[in-house]
């Protein structure tokens, strides 16, 4: 019986490399701020969206990727770059 796997290295690695690039960090900060603004603007239960926006905002500001550990890569952006350089050298 064949197992279903969501991990496709050809797709996951370039996406993670983008998220850990300067442009990806900027995109995470913008996304986090956008979620916070929308959540505060709409009010009510939408404030939960504002709380959710704190995660991509913090990830972009403090240079960590919350998706990387799901694919066996380090959480830290600096360590991610080192690990991805080592994988491409093999």
Protein backbone atom coordinates (compact mmCIF):
# COMPACT_ATOMS: atom_id res chain seq x y z
CA UNK A 1 0.00 0.00 0.00
CA UNK A 2 1.35 3.41 -0.96
CA UNK A 3 1.48 6.20 1.62
CA UNK A 4 0.28 9.68 0.85
CA UNK A 5 2.99 12.26 1.44
CA UNK A 6 2.55 16.02 1.39
CA UNK A 7 6.30 16.58 1.20
CA UNK A 8 7.42 17.22 -2.34
CA UNK A 9 11.06 18.45 -2.22
CA UNK A 10 10.84 20.06 -5.67
CA UNK A 11 8.03 22.30 -4.40
CA UNK A 12 8.71 22.68 -0.66
CA UNK A 13 12.36 23.69 -0.77
CA UNK A 14 11.97 26.63 -3.21
CA UNK A 15 8.94 27.88 -1.25
CA UNK A 16 10.87 27.70 2.02
CA UNK A 17 13.86 29.41 0.41
CA UNK A 18 11.58 32.25 -0.70
CA UNK A 19 10.08 32.60 2.79
CA UNK A 20 13.59 32.87 4.22
CA UNK A 21 14.82 35.38 1.64
CA UNK A 22 14.68 39.15 2.31
CA UNK A 23 11.64 39.42 0.01
CA UNK A 24 9.92 36.58 1.85
CA UNK A 25 10.61 38.16 5.22
CA UNK A 26 9.17 41.44 3.94
CA UNK A 27 6.10 39.59 2.61
CA UNK A 28 5.56 37.94 6.02
CA UNK A 29 5.78 41.31 7.79
CA UNK A 30 3.31 42.88 5.34
CA UNK A 31 0.94 39.90 5.64
CA UNK A 32 1.08 40.07 9.44
CA UNK A 33 0.39 43.80 9.48
CA UNK A 34 -2.46 43.35 7.00
CA UNK A 35 -4.10 40.66 9.14
CA UNK A 36 -3.75 42.84 12.24
CA UNK A 37 -5.25 45.90 10.53
CA UNK A 38 -8.17 43.93 9.06
CA UNK A 39 -8.85 42.23 12.40
CA UNK A 40 -8.85 45.51 14.31
CA UNK A 41 -10.83 47.37 11.63
CA UNK A 42 -13.66 44.83 11.45
CA UNK A 43 -13.77 44.32 15.21
CA UNK A 44 -15.99 41.75 16.89
CA UNK A 45 -14.62 38.24 16.58
CA UNK A 46 -12.26 39.42 13.83
CA UNK A 47 -9.77 40.39 16.56
CA UNK A 48 -8.76 36.71 16.41
CA UNK A 49 -7.48 37.43 12.92
CA UNK A 50 -5.39 40.23 14.40
CA UNK A 51 -3.92 37.79 16.92
CA UNK A 52 -3.15 35.36 14.10
CA UNK A 53 -1.36 38.20 12.28
CA UNK A 54 1.18 38.37 15.10
CA UNK A 55 2.71 35.05 13.96
CA UNK A 56 3.81 36.06 10.43
CA UNK A 57 4.77 39.50 11.72
CA UNK A 58 7.04 38.02 14.40
CA UNK A 59 8.39 35.42 11.96
CA UNK A 60 9.41 38.13 9.52
CA UNK A 61 10.85 40.49 12.10
CA UNK A 62 12.76 37.87 14.09
CA UNK A 63 13.77 35.75 11.05
CA UNK A 64 12.25 32.36 11.72
CA UNK A 65 10.10 30.15 9.53
CA UNK A 66 7.25 28.26 11.15
CA UNK A 67 6.85 25.93 8.14
CA UNK A 68 10.49 24.79 7.93
CA UNK A 69 10.36 22.26 10.82
CA UNK A 70 7.48 20.50 9.06
CA UNK A 71 9.94 19.64 6.29
CA UNK A 72 12.91 18.73 8.48
CA UNK A 73 14.58 22.14 8.29
CA UNK A 74 15.56 24.36 11.23
CA UNK A 75 13.21 27.02 12.62
CA UNK A 76 15.88 29.76 12.68
CA UNK A 77 16.40 31.69 9.46
CA UNK A 78 20.18 31.77 9.89
CA UNK A 79 20.34 28.02 10.50
CA UNK A 80 17.97 27.44 7.58
CA UNK A 81 20.36 29.24 5.22
CA UNK A 82 23.30 27.19 6.52
CA UNK A 83 21.37 23.93 6.17
CA UNK A 84 20.12 24.75 2.67
CA UNK A 85 23.68 25.64 1.57
CA UNK A 86 24.91 22.29 2.93
CA UNK A 87 22.14 20.39 1.11
CA UNK A 88 22.99 21.99 -2.24
CA UNK A 89 26.70 21.15 -1.87
CA UNK A 90 26.03 17.40 -1.65
